[in-house]
Amino acid sequence: DFYLSKYNDDPLNDNFDSDKDEFWLVMDTDRHADLIHDVI
């Protein structure tokens, strides 16, 4: 949430274009699988 807002609002960053760019979360299940549902 922080970085998506940063790339949308901060002119010093590359602008994020949702039509062509990609935003991904990379996660594991090893310790906190119960929390993944809310993230998805």
PDB file of all heavy atoms in Angstrom:
ATOM      1  N   ASP A   1       0.835  -1.209   0.000  1.00  0.00           N
ATOM      2  CA  ASP A   1       0.000   0.000   0.000  1.00  0.00           C
ATOM      3  C   ASP A   1       0.868   1.256   0.000  1.00  0.00           C
ATOM      4  O   ASP A   1       0.583   2.221  -0.721  1.00  0.00           O
ATOM      5  CB  ASP A   1      -0.916   0.003   1.229  1.00  0.00           C
ATOM      6  CG  ASP A   1      -2.046  -1.009   1.121  1.00  0.00           C
ATOM      7  OD1 ASP A   1      -2.426  -1.364  -0.011  1.00  0.00           O
ATOM      8  OD2 ASP A   1      -2.548  -1.436   2.177  1.00  0.00           O
ATOM      9  N   PHE A   2       1.932   1.229   0.785  1.00  0.00           N
ATOM     10  CA  PHE A   2       2.830   2.382   0.872  1.00  0.00           C
ATOM     11  C   PHE A   2       3.493   2.660  -0.477  1.00  0.00           C
ATOM     12  O   PHE A   2       3.489   3.802  -0.963  1.00  0.00           O
ATOM     13  CB  PHE A   2       3.898   2.138   1.937  1.00  0.00           C
ATOM     14  CG  PHE A   2       5.004   3.156   1.935  1.00  0.00           C
ATOM     15  CD1 PHE A   2       4.822   4.405   2.512  1.00  0.00           C
ATOM     16  CD2 PHE A   2       6.227   2.864   1.344  1.00  0.00           C
ATOM     17  CE1 PHE A   2       5.839   5.354   2.506  1.00  0.00           C
ATOM     18  CE2 PHE A   2       7.248   3.801   1.331  1.00  0.00           C
ATOM     19  CZ  PHE A   2       7.058   5.051   1.910  1.00  0.00           C
ATOM     20  N   TYR A   3       4.061   1.618  -1.100  1.00  0.00           N
ATOM     21  CA  TYR A   3       4.794   1.839  -2.349  1.00  0.00           C
ATOM     22  C   TYR A   3       3.870   2.145  -3.513  1.00  0.00           C
ATOM     23  O   TYR A   3       4.219   2.941  -4.394  1.00  0.00           O
ATOM     24  CB  TYR A   3       5.696   0.638  -2.655  1.00  0.00           C
ATOM     25  CG  TYR A   3       6.938   0.624  -1.807  1.00  0.00           C
ATOM     26  CD1 TYR A   3       7.095  -0.307  -0.780  1.00  0.00           C
ATOM     27  CD2 TYR A   3       7.946   1.567  -2.005  1.00  0.00           C
ATOM     28  CE1 TYR A   3       8.234  -0.307   0.015  1.00  0.00           C
ATOM     29  CE2 TYR A   3       9.086   1.566  -1.214  1.00  0.00           C
ATOM     30  CZ  TYR A   3       9.230   0.636  -0.206  1.00  0.00           C
ATOM     31  OH  TYR A   3      10.353   0.648   0.584  1.00  0.00           O
ATOM     32  N   LEU A   4       2.698   1.554  -3.541  1.00  0.00           N
ATOM     33  CA  LEU A   4       1.768   1.885  -4.612  1.00  0.00           C
ATOM     34  C   LEU A   4       1.376   3.351  -4.540  1.00  0.00           C
ATOM     35  O   LEU A   4       1.331   4.050  -5.559  1.00  0.00           O
ATOM     36  CB  LEU A   4       0.524   0.998  -4.524  1.00  0.00           C
ATOM     37  CG  LEU A   4      -0.487   1.158  -5.663  1.00  0.00           C
ATOM     38  CD1 LEU A   4       0.152   0.862  -7.012  1.00  0.00           C
ATOM     39  CD2 LEU A   4      -1.688   0.239  -5.440  1.00  0.00           C
ATOM     40  N   SER A   5       1.128   3.849  -3.347  1.00  0.00           N
ATOM     41  CA  SER A   5       0.814   5.264  -3.168  1.00  0.00           C
ATOM     42  C   SER A   5       2.010   6.132  -3.534  1.00  0.00           C
ATOM     43  O   SER A   5       1.867   7.174  -4.186  1.00  0.00           O
ATOM     44  CB  SER A   5       0.397   5.519  -1.718  1.00  0.00           C
ATOM     45  OG  SER A   5       0.200   6.896  -1.481  1.00  0.00           O
ATOM     46  N   LYS A   6       3.194   5.687  -3.150  1.00  0.00           N
ATOM     47  CA  LYS A   6       4.416   6.454  -3.416  1.00  0.00           C
ATOM     48  C   LYS A   6       4.657   6.612  -4.915  1.00  0.00           C
ATOM     49  O   LYS A   6       4.991   7.694  -5.401  1.00  0.00           O
ATOM     50  CB  LYS A   6       5.611   5.753  -2.752  1.00  0.00           C
ATOM     51  CG  LYS A   6       6.935   6.508  -2.839  1.00  0.00           C
ATOM     52  CD  LYS A   6       8.008   5.740  -2.101  1.00  0.00           C
ATOM     53  CE  LYS A   6       9.357   6.441  -2.172  1.00  0.00           C
ATOM     54  NZ  LYS A   6       9.383   7.710  -1.425  1.00  0.00           N
ATOM     55  N   TYR A   7       4.463   5.524  -5.654  1.00  0.00           N
ATOM     56  CA  TYR A   7       4.705   5.596  -7.097  1.00  0.00           C
ATOM     57  C   TYR A   7       3.615   6.364  -7.822  1.00  0.00           C
ATOM     58  O   TYR A   7       3.835   6.876  -8.914  1.00  0.00           O
ATOM     59  CB  TYR A   7       4.843   4.191  -7.690  1.00  0.00           C
ATOM     60  CG  TYR A   7       6.233   3.620  -7.536  1.00  0.00           C
ATOM     61  CD1 TYR A   7       6.629   3.018  -6.339  1.00  0.00           C
ATOM     62  CD2 TYR A   7       7.164   3.700  -8.562  1.00  0.00           C
ATOM     63  CE1 TYR A   7       7.906   2.511  -6.183  1.00  0.00           C
ATOM     64  CE2 TYR A   7       8.442   3.191  -8.419  1.00  0.00           C
ATOM     65  CZ  TYR A   7       8.810   2.599  -7.222  1.00  0.00           C
ATOM     66  OH  TYR A   7      10.085   2.105  -7.076  1.00  0.00           O
ATOM     67  N   ASN A   8       2.455   6.445  -7.234  1.00  0.00           N
ATOM     68  CA  ASN A   8       1.379   7.217  -7.856  1.00  0.00           C
ATOM     69  C   ASN A   8       1.476   8.701  -7.563  1.00  0.00           C
ATOM     70  O   ASN A   8       1.040   9.528  -8.368  1.00  0.00           O
ATOM     71  CB  ASN A   8       0.015   6.693  -7.372  1.00  0.00           C
ATOM     72  CG  ASN A   8      -0.378   5.395  -8.044  1.00  0.00           C
ATOM     73  OD1 ASN A   8       0.032   5.127  -9.170  1.00  0.00           O
ATOM     74  ND2 ASN A   8      -1.162   4.581  -7.356  1.00  0.00           N
ATOM     75  N   ASP A   9       2.058   9.048  -6.405  1.00  0.00           N
ATOM     76  CA  ASP A   9       1.996  10.439  -5.938  1.00  0.00           C
ATOM     77  C   ASP A   9       3.320  11.193  -5.979  1.00  0.00           C
ATOM     78  O   ASP A   9       3.332  12.413  -5.968  1.00  0.00           O
ATOM     79  CB  ASP A   9       1.471  10.475  -4.494  1.00  0.00           C
ATOM     80  CG  ASP A   9       0.076   9.891  -4.368  1.00  0.00           C
ATOM     81  OD1 ASP A   9      -0.643   9.889  -5.392  1.00  0.00           O
ATOM     82  OD2 ASP A   9      -0.284   9.429  -3.268  1.00  0.00           O
ATOM     83  N   ASP A  10       4.435  10.471  -6.000  1.00  0.00           N
ATOM     84  CA  ASP A  10       5.742  11.125  -5.899  1.00  0.00           C
ATOM     85  C   ASP A  10       6.338  11.325  -7.286  1.00  0.00           C
ATOM     86  O   ASP A  10       6.684  10.360  -7.961  1.00  0.00           O
ATOM     87  CB  ASP A  10       6.676  10.263  -5.043  1.00  0.00           C
ATOM     88  CG  ASP A  10       7.988  10.975  -4.711  1.00  0.00           C
ATOM     89  OD1 ASP A  10       8.303  11.971  -5.384  1.00  0.00           O
ATOM     90  OD2 ASP A  10       8.680  10.527  -3.786  1.00  0.00           O
ATOM     91  N   PRO A  11       6.500  12.567  -7.742  1.00  0.00           N
ATOM     92  CA  PRO A  11       7.020  12.812  -9.100  1.00  0.00           C
ATOM     93  C   PRO A  11       8.472  12.387  -9.280  1.00  0.00           C
ATOM     94  O   PRO A  11       8.948  12.282 -10.404  1.00  0.00           O
ATOM     95  CB  PRO A  11       6.869  14.335  -9.254  1.00  0.00           C
ATOM     96  CG  PRO A  11       6.853  14.867  -7.862  1.00  0.00           C
ATOM     97  CD  PRO A  11       6.175  13.817  -7.028  1.00  0.00           C
ATOM     98  N   LEU A  12       9.182  12.115  -8.177  1.00  0.00           N
ATOM     99  CA  LEU A  12      10.572  11.690  -8.287  1.00  0.00           C
ATOM    100  C   LEU A  12      10.683  10.208  -8.619  1.00  0.00           C
ATOM    101  O   LEU A  12      11.744   9.726  -8.991  1.00  0.00           O
ATOM    102  CB  LEU A  12      11.316  11.975  -6.968  1.00  0.00           C
ATOM    103  CG  LEU A  12      11.425  13.453  -6.584  1.00  0.00           C
ATOM    104  CD1 LEU A  12      12.173  13.598  -5.262  1.00  0.00           C
ATOM    105  CD2 LEU A  12      12.133  14.254  -7.675  1.00  0.00           C
ATOM    106  N   ASN A  13       9.591   9.463  -8.501  1.00  0.00           N
ATOM    107  CA  ASN A  13       9.584   8.043  -8.824  1.00  0.00           C
ATOM    108  C   ASN A  13       9.065   7.820 -10.241  1.00  0.00           C
ATOM    109  O   ASN A  13       8.414   8.680 -10.826  1.00  0.00           O
ATOM    110  CB  ASN A  13       8.684   7.280  -7.843  1.00  0.00           C
ATOM    111  CG  ASN A  13       9.356   7.074  -6.509  1.00  0.00           C
ATOM    112  OD1 ASN A  13      10.329   6.345  -6.399  1.00  0.00           O
ATOM    113  ND2 ASN A  13       8.834   7.730  -5.493  1.00  0.00           N
ATOM    114  N   ASP A  14       9.360   6.643 -10.797  1.00  0.00           N
ATOM    115  CA  ASP A  14       8.725   6.245 -12.044  1.00  0.00           C
ATOM    116  C   ASP A  14       7.218   6.185 -11.817  1.00  0.00           C
ATOM    117  O   ASP A  14       6.760   5.657 -10.807  1.00  0.00           O
ATOM    118  CB  ASP A  14       9.232   4.873 -12.485  1.00  0.00           C
ATOM    119  CG  ASP A  14      10.695   4.907 -12.888  1.00  0.00           C
ATOM    120  OD1 ASP A  14      11.048   5.733 -13.735  1.00  0.00           O
ATOM    121  OD2 ASP A  14      11.467   4.102 -12.337  1.00  0.00           O
ATOM    122  N   ASN A  15       6.475   6.713 -12.747  1.00  0.00           N
ATOM    123  CA  ASN A  15       5.025   6.613 -12.635  1.00  0.00           C
ATOM    124  C   ASN A  15       4.587   5.177 -12.887  1.00  0.00           C
ATOM    125  O   ASN A  15       5.070   4.522 -13.810  1.00  0.00           O
ATOM    126  CB  ASN A  15       4.344   7.544 -13.641  1.00  0.00           C
ATOM    127  CG  ASN A  15       4.496   9.005 -13.258  1.00  0.00           C
ATOM    128  OD1 ASN A  15       4.512   9.334 -12.077  1.00  0.00           O
ATOM    129  ND2 ASN A  15       4.620   9.868 -14.248  1.00  0.00           N
ATOM    130  N   PHE A  16       3.669   4.693 -12.081  1.00  0.00           N
ATOM    131  CA  PHE A  16       3.126   3.350 -12.260  1.00  0.00           C
ATOM    132  C   PHE A  16       1.898   3.441 -13.147  1.00  0.00           C
ATOM    133  O   PHE A  16       0.927   4.124 -12.821  1.00  0.00           O
ATOM    134  CB  PHE A  16       2.768   2.725 -10.913  1.00  0.00           C
ATOM    135  CG  PHE A  16       2.157   1.363 -11.039  1.00  0.00           C
ATOM    136  CD1 PHE A  16       2.960   0.255 -11.238  1.00  0.00           C
ATOM    137  CD2 PHE A  16       0.777   1.183 -10.972  1.00  0.00           C
ATOM    138  CE1 PHE A  16       2.405  -1.008 -11.360  1.00  0.00           C
ATOM    139  CE2 PHE A  16       0.214  -0.068 -11.099  1.00  0.00           C
ATOM    140  CZ  PHE A  16       1.029  -1.171 -11.298  1.00  0.00           C
ATOM    141  N   ASP A  17       1.952   2.752 -14.284  1.00  0.00           N
ATOM    142  CA  ASP A  17       0.856   2.735 -15.240  1.00  0.00           C
ATOM    143  C   ASP A  17       0.181   1.373 -15.160  1.00  0.00           C
ATOM    144  O   ASP A  17       0.735   0.369 -15.618  1.00  0.00           O
ATOM    145  CB  ASP A  17       1.389   2.997 -16.649  1.00  0.00           C
ATOM    146  CG  ASP A  17       0.290   3.069 -17.701  1.00  0.00           C
ATOM    147  OD1 ASP A  17      -0.855   2.675 -17.397  1.00  0.00           O
ATOM    148  OD2 ASP A  17       0.587   3.490 -18.838  1.00  0.00           O
ATOM    149  N   SER A  18      -1.005   1.311 -14.587  1.00  0.00           N
ATOM    150  CA  SER A  18      -1.670   0.024 -14.381  1.00  0.00           C
ATOM    151  C   SER A  18      -2.043  -0.665 -15.685  1.00  0.00           C
ATOM    152  O   SER A  18      -2.339  -1.856 -15.692  1.00  0.00           O
ATOM    153  CB  SER A  18      -2.927   0.213 -13.518  1.00  0.00           C
ATOM    154  OG  SER A  18      -3.836   1.104 -14.138  1.00  0.00           O
ATOM    155  N   ASP A  19      -2.016   0.056 -16.794  1.00  0.00           N
ATOM    156  CA  ASP A  19      -2.339  -0.552 -18.086  1.00  0.00           C
ATOM    157  C   ASP A  19      -1.186  -1.384 -18.643  1.00  0.00           C
ATOM    158  O   ASP A  19      -1.405  -2.287 -19.454  1.00  0.00           O
ATOM    159  CB  ASP A  19      -2.727   0.520 -19.106  1.00  0.00           C
ATOM    160  CG  ASP A  19      -4.074   1.152 -18.796  1.00  0.00           C
ATOM    161  OD1 ASP A  19      -4.927   0.466 -18.195  1.00  0.00           O
ATOM    162  OD2 ASP A  19      -4.270   2.330 -19.151  1.00  0.00           O
ATOM    163  N   LYS A  20       0.051  -1.089 -18.230  1.00  0.00           N
ATOM    164  CA  LYS A  20       1.185  -1.826 -18.776  1.00  0.00           C
ATOM    165  C   LYS A  20       2.168  -2.335 -17.722  1.00  0.00           C
ATOM    166  O   LYS A  20       2.942  -3.252 -17.994  1.00  0.00           O
ATOM    167  CB  LYS A  20       1.950  -0.972 -19.797  1.00  0.00           C
ATOM    168  CG  LYS A  20       2.747   0.177 -19.213  1.00  0.00           C
ATOM    169  CD  LYS A  20       3.549   0.891 -20.292  1.00  0.00           C
ATOM    170  CE  LYS A  20       4.437   1.995 -19.712  1.00  0.00           C
ATOM    171  NZ  LYS A  20       5.514   1.449 -18.840  1.00  0.00           N
ATOM    172  N   ASP A  21       2.161  -1.749 -16.533  1.00  0.00           N
ATOM    173  CA  ASP A  21       3.119  -2.127 -15.500  1.00  0.00           C
ATOM    174  C   ASP A  21       2.552  -3.224 -14.599  1.00  0.00           C
ATOM    175  O   ASP A  21       1.371  -3.555 -14.654  1.00  0.00           O
ATOM    176  CB  ASP A  21       3.518  -0.899 -14.680  1.00  0.00           C
ATOM    177  CG  ASP A  21       4.225   0.158 -15.526  1.00  0.00           C
ATOM    178  OD1 ASP A  21       4.860  -0.223 -16.534  1.00  0.00           O
ATOM    179  OD2 ASP A  21       4.125   1.354 -15.190  1.00  0.00           O
ATOM    180  N   GLU A  22       3.426  -3.777 -13.765  1.00  0.00           N
ATOM    181  CA  GLU A  22       3.062  -4.922 -12.926  1.00  0.00           C
ATOM    182  C   GLU A  22       3.397  -4.630 -11.468  1.00  0.00           C
ATOM    183  O   GLU A  22       4.469  -4.112 -11.156  1.00  0.00           O
ATOM    184  CB  GLU A  22       3.836  -6.172 -13.368  1.00  0.00           C
ATOM    185  CG  GLU A  22       3.565  -6.618 -14.799  1.00  0.00           C
ATOM    186  CD  GLU A  22       2.262  -7.402 -14.916  1.00  0.00           C
ATOM    187  OE1 GLU A  22       1.749  -7.869 -13.881  1.00  0.00           O
ATOM    188  OE2 GLU A  22       1.779  -7.564 -16.058  1.00  0.00           O
ATOM    189  N   PHE A  23       2.466  -4.988 -10.580  1.00  0.00           N
ATOM    190  CA  PHE A  23       2.666  -4.810  -9.141  1.00  0.00           C
ATOM    191  C   PHE A  23       2.365  -6.148  -8.463  1.00  0.00           C
ATOM    192  O   PHE A  23       1.242  -6.633  -8.522  1.00  0.00           O
ATOM    193  CB  PHE A  23       1.731  -3.726  -8.603  1.00  0.00           C
ATOM    194  CG  PHE A  23       2.133  -3.181  -7.256  1.00  0.00           C
ATOM    195  CD1 PHE A  23       2.651  -1.902  -7.138  1.00  0.00           C
ATOM    196  CD2 PHE A  23       1.986  -3.950  -6.109  1.00  0.00           C
ATOM    197  CE1 PHE A  23       3.025  -1.411  -5.897  1.00  0.00           C
ATOM    198  CE2 PHE A  23       2.359  -3.467  -4.875  1.00  0.00           C
ATOM    199  CZ  PHE A  23       2.880  -2.189  -4.762  1.00  0.00           C
ATOM    200  N   TRP A  24       3.383  -6.732  -7.835  1.00  0.00           N
ATOM    201  CA  TRP A  24       3.266  -8.089  -7.296  1.00  0.00           C
ATOM    202  C   TRP A  24       3.677  -8.160  -5.833  1.00  0.00           C
ATOM    203  O   TRP A  24       4.609  -7.479  -5.401  1.00  0.00           O
ATOM    204  CB  TRP A  24       4.148  -9.045  -8.087  1.00  0.00           C
ATOM    205  CG  TRP A  24       3.601  -9.384  -9.435  1.00  0.00           C
ATOM    206  CD1 TRP A  24       3.647  -8.621 -10.569  1.00  0.00           C
ATOM    207  CD2 TRP A  24       2.904 -10.578  -9.797  1.00  0.00           C
ATOM    208  NE1 TRP A  24       3.026  -9.265 -11.608  1.00  0.00           N
ATOM    209  CE2 TRP A  24       2.558 -10.469 -11.172  1.00  0.00           C
ATOM    210  CE3 TRP A  24       2.549 -11.732  -9.103  1.00  0.00           C
ATOM    211  CZ2 TRP A  24       1.873 -11.483 -11.848  1.00  0.00           C
ATOM    212  CZ3 TRP A  24       1.865 -12.741  -9.770  1.00  0.00           C
ATOM    213  CH2 TRP A  24       1.540 -12.615 -11.127  1.00  0.00           C
ATOM    214  N   LEU A  25       2.989  -9.021  -5.088  1.00  0.00           N
ATOM    215  CA  LEU A  25       3.359  -9.391  -3.729  1.00  0.00           C
ATOM    216  C   LEU A  25       3.857 -10.833  -3.757  1.00  0.00           C
ATOM    217  O   LEU A  25       3.176 -11.718  -4.287  1.00  0.00           O
ATOM    218  CB  LEU A  25       2.166  -9.279  -2.770  1.00  0.00           C
ATOM    219  CG  LEU A  25       1.757  -7.883  -2.287  1.00  0.00           C
ATOM    220  CD1 LEU A  25       1.306  -6.997  -3.448  1.00  0.00           C
ATOM    221  CD2 LEU A  25       0.662  -7.992  -1.239  1.00  0.00           C
ATOM    222  N   VAL A  26       5.042 -11.072  -3.207  1.00  0.00           N
ATOM    223  CA  VAL A  26       5.652 -12.397  -3.203  1.00  0.00           C
ATOM    224  C   VAL A  26       5.708 -12.883  -1.757  1.00  0.00           C
ATOM    225  O   VAL A  26       6.377 -12.284  -0.911  1.00  0.00           O
ATOM    226  CB  VAL A  26       7.060 -12.360  -3.826  1.00  0.00           C
ATOM    227  CG1 VAL A  26       7.755 -13.716  -3.690  1.00  0.00           C
ATOM    228  CG2 VAL A  26       6.972 -11.955  -5.300  1.00  0.00           C
ATOM    229  N   MET A  27       4.987 -13.975  -1.485  1.00  0.00           N
ATOM    230  CA  MET A  27       4.815 -14.431  -0.101  1.00  0.00           C
ATOM    231  C   MET A  27       5.071 -15.923   0.042  1.00  0.00           C
ATOM    232  O   MET A  27       5.070 -16.664  -0.930  1.00  0.00           O
ATOM    233  CB  MET A  27       3.385 -14.118   0.367  1.00  0.00           C
ATOM    234  CG  MET A  27       3.012 -12.648   0.344  1.00  0.00           C
ATOM    235  SD  MET A  27       1.270 -12.362   0.739  1.00  0.00           S
ATOM    236  CE  MET A  27       0.473 -12.989  -0.751  1.00  0.00           C
ATOM    237  N   ASP A  28       5.282 -16.344   1.308  1.00  0.00           N
ATOM    238  CA  ASP A  28       5.460 -17.748   1.669  1.00  0.00           C
ATOM    239  C   ASP A  28       4.356 -18.159   2.640  1.00  0.00           C
ATOM    240  O   ASP A  28       3.703 -17.315   3.256  1.00  0.00           O
ATOM    241  CB  ASP A  28       6.813 -17.969   2.360  1.00  0.00           C
ATOM    242  CG  ASP A  28       7.987 -17.490   1.523  1.00  0.00           C
ATOM    243  OD1 ASP A  28       7.860 -17.484   0.290  1.00  0.00           O
ATOM    244  OD2 ASP A  28       9.018 -17.129   2.122  1.00  0.00           O
ATOM    245  N   THR A  29       4.202 -19.474   2.801  1.00  0.00           N
ATOM    246  CA  THR A  29       3.210 -19.974   3.753  1.00  0.00           C
ATOM    247  C   THR A  29       3.843 -20.491   5.044  1.00  0.00           C
ATOM    248  O   THR A  29       3.137 -20.937   5.948  1.00  0.00           O
ATOM    249  CB  THR A  29       2.402 -21.137   3.143  1.00  0.00           C
ATOM    250  OG1 THR A  29       3.277 -22.258   2.944  1.00  0.00           O
ATOM    251  CG2 THR A  29       1.755 -20.737   1.831  1.00  0.00           C
ATOM    252  N   ASP A  30       5.167 -20.450   5.154  1.00  0.00           N
ATOM    253  CA  ASP A  30       5.847 -21.206   6.201  1.00  0.00           C
ATOM    254  C   ASP A  30       5.442 -20.826   7.621  1.00  0.00           C
ATOM    255  O   ASP A  30       5.333 -21.675   8.481  1.00  0.00           O
ATOM    256  CB  ASP A  30       7.371 -21.116   6.036  1.00  0.00           C
ATOM    257  CG  ASP A  30       7.896 -19.691   6.068  1.00  0.00           C
ATOM    258  OD1 ASP A  30       7.115 -18.772   5.774  1.00  0.00           O
ATOM    259  OD2 ASP A  30       9.089 -19.502   6.369  1.00  0.00           O
ATOM    260  N   ARG A  31       5.217 -19.540   7.890  1.00  0.00           N
ATOM    261  CA  ARG A  31       4.949 -19.149   9.280  1.00  0.00           C
ATOM    262  C   ARG A  31       3.596 -18.467   9.479  1.00  0.00           C
ATOM    263  O   ARG A  31       3.067 -18.454  10.580  1.00  0.00           O
ATOM    264  CB  ARG A  31       6.054 -18.199   9.766  1.00  0.00           C
ATOM    265  CG  ARG A  31       7.390 -18.890  10.007  1.00  0.00           C
ATOM    266  CD  ARG A  31       8.464 -17.892  10.334  1.00  0.00           C
ATOM    267  NE  ARG A  31       8.753 -17.016   9.195  1.00  0.00           N
ATOM    268  CZ  ARG A  31       9.595 -15.983   9.250  1.00  0.00           C
ATOM    269  NH1 ARG A  31      10.193 -15.688  10.378  1.00  0.00           N
ATOM    270  NH2 ARG A  31       9.823 -15.256   8.178  1.00  0.00           N
ATOM    271  N   HIS A  32       3.045 -17.889   8.447  1.00  0.00           N
ATOM    272  CA  HIS A  32       1.863 -17.057   8.638  1.00  0.00           C
ATOM    273  C   HIS A  32       0.799 -17.347   7.583  1.00  0.00           C
ATOM    274  O   HIS A  32       0.178 -16.423   7.056  1.00  0.00           O
ATOM    275  CB  HIS A  32       2.245 -15.575   8.582  1.00  0.00           C
ATOM    276  CG  HIS A  32       3.322 -15.195   9.552  1.00  0.00           C
ATOM    277  ND1 HIS A  32       3.075 -15.048  10.894  1.00  0.00           N
ATOM    278  CD2 HIS A  32       4.642 -14.948   9.370  1.00  0.00           C
ATOM    279  CE1 HIS A  32       4.210 -14.706  11.506  1.00  0.00           C
ATOM    280  NE2 HIS A  32       5.163 -14.637  10.609  1.00  0.00           N
ATOM    281  N   ALA A  33       0.571 -18.614   7.293  1.00  0.00           N
ATOM    282  CA  ALA A  33      -0.402 -18.962   6.252  1.00  0.00           C
ATOM    283  C   ALA A  33      -1.793 -18.430   6.581  1.00  0.00           C
ATOM    284  O   ALA A  33      -2.583 -18.117   5.681  1.00  0.00           O
ATOM    285  CB  ALA A  33      -0.453 -20.479   6.073  1.00  0.00           C
ATOM    286  N   ASP A  34      -2.094 -18.311   7.882  1.00  0.00           N
ATOM    287  CA  ASP A  34      -3.426 -17.855   8.281  1.00  0.00           C
ATOM    288  C   ASP A  34      -3.688 -16.408   7.894  1.00  0.00           C
ATOM    289  O   ASP A  34      -4.845 -15.974   7.838  1.00  0.00           O
ATOM    290  CB  ASP A  34      -3.604 -18.020   9.793  1.00  0.00           C
ATOM    291  CG  ASP A  34      -2.529 -17.298  10.595  1.00  0.00           C
ATOM    292  OD1 ASP A  34      -1.351 -17.416  10.215  1.00  0.00           O
ATOM    293  OD2 ASP A  34      -2.871 -16.630  11.585  1.00  0.00           O
ATOM    294  N   LEU A  35      -2.629 -15.639   7.631  1.00  0.00           N
ATOM    295  CA  LEU A  35      -2.784 -14.225   7.296  1.00  0.00           C
ATOM    296  C   LEU A  35      -2.911 -13.986   5.790  1.00  0.00           C
ATOM    297  O   LEU A  35      -3.231 -12.870   5.369  1.00  0.00           O
ATOM    298  CB  LEU A  35      -1.600 -13.423   7.841  1.00  0.00           C
ATOM    299  CG  LEU A  35      -1.390 -13.461   9.360  1.00  0.00           C
ATOM    300  CD1 LEU A  35      -0.112 -12.715   9.731  1.00  0.00           C
ATOM    301  CD2 LEU A  35      -2.591 -12.861  10.086  1.00  0.00           C
ATOM    302  N   ILE A  36      -2.634 -15.007   4.988  1.00  0.00           N
ATOM    303  CA  ILE A  36      -2.601 -14.816   3.543  1.00  0.00           C
ATOM    304  C   ILE A  36      -3.987 -14.530   2.982  1.00  0.00           C
ATOM    305  O   ILE A  36      -4.134 -13.771   2.018  1.00  0.00           O
ATOM    306  CB  ILE A  36      -1.955 -16.040   2.856  1.00  0.00           C
ATOM    307  CG1 ILE A  36      -0.449 -16.050   3.157  1.00  0.00           C
ATOM    308  CG2 ILE A  36      -2.184 -16.026   1.358  1.00  0.00           C
ATOM    309  CD1 ILE A  36       0.298 -17.215   2.541  1.00  0.00           C
ATOM    310  N   HIS A  37      -5.013 -15.124   3.571  1.00  0.00           N
ATOM    311  CA  HIS A  37      -6.371 -14.930   3.060  1.00  0.00           C
ATOM    312  C   HIS A  37      -6.721 -13.447   2.968  1.00  0.00           C
ATOM    313  O   HIS A  37      -7.255 -12.985   1.943  1.00  0.00           O
ATOM    314  CB  HIS A  37      -7.386 -15.642   3.954  1.00  0.00           C
ATOM    315  CG  HIS A  37      -8.813 -15.335   3.606  1.00  0.00           C
ATOM    316  ND1 HIS A  37      -9.451 -15.892   2.504  1.00  0.00           N
ATOM    317  CD2 HIS A  37      -9.716 -14.483   4.179  1.00  0.00           C
ATOM    318  CE1 HIS A  37     -10.687 -15.413   2.427  1.00  0.00           C
ATOM    319  NE2 HIS A  37     -10.873 -14.563   3.427  1.00  0.00           N
ATOM    320  N   ASP A  38      -6.433 -12.685   4.024  1.00  0.00           N
ATOM    321  CA  ASP A  38      -6.766 -11.261   4.025  1.00  0.00           C
ATOM    322  C   ASP A  38      -5.973 -10.499   2.964  1.00  0.00           C
ATOM    323  O   ASP A  38      -6.485  -9.544   2.364  1.00  0.00           O
ATOM    324  CB  ASP A  38      -6.493 -10.654   5.403  1.00  0.00           C
ATOM    325  CG  ASP A  38      -7.467 -11.157   6.463  1.00  0.00           C
ATOM    326  OD1 ASP A  38      -8.559 -11.616   6.083  1.00  0.00           O
ATOM    327  OD2 ASP A  38      -7.121 -11.113   7.659  1.00  0.00           O
ATOM    328  N   VAL A  39      -4.734 -10.926   2.734  1.00  0.00           N
ATOM    329  CA  VAL A  39      -3.911 -10.269   1.715  1.00  0.00           C
ATOM    330  C   VAL A  39      -4.480 -10.533   0.328  1.00  0.00           C
ATOM    331  O   VAL A  39      -4.592  -9.617  -0.502  1.00  0.00           O
ATOM    332  CB  VAL A  39      -2.447 -10.754   1.805  1.00  0.00           C
ATOM    333  CG1 VAL A  39      -1.617 -10.132   0.688  1.00  0.00           C
ATOM    334  CG2 VAL A  39      -1.862 -10.406   3.166  1.00  0.00           C
ATOM    335  N   ILE A  40      -4.854 -11.766   0.058  1.00  0.00           N
ATOM    336  CA  ILE A  40      -5.432 -12.111  -1.247  1.00  0.00           C
ATOM    337  C   ILE A  40      -6.743 -11.364  -1.466  1.00  0.00           C
ATOM    338  O   ILE A  40      -7.017 -10.845  -2.561  1.00  0.00           O
ATOM    339  CB  ILE A  40      -5.630 -13.633  -1.352  1.00  0.00           C
ATOM    340  CG1 ILE A  40      -4.262 -14.324  -1.403  1.00  0.00           C
ATOM    341  CG2 ILE A  40      -6.458 -13.991  -2.576  1.00  0.00           C
ATOM    342  CD1 ILE A  40      -4.336 -15.824  -1.403  1.00  0.00           C
TER     343      ILE A  40
END
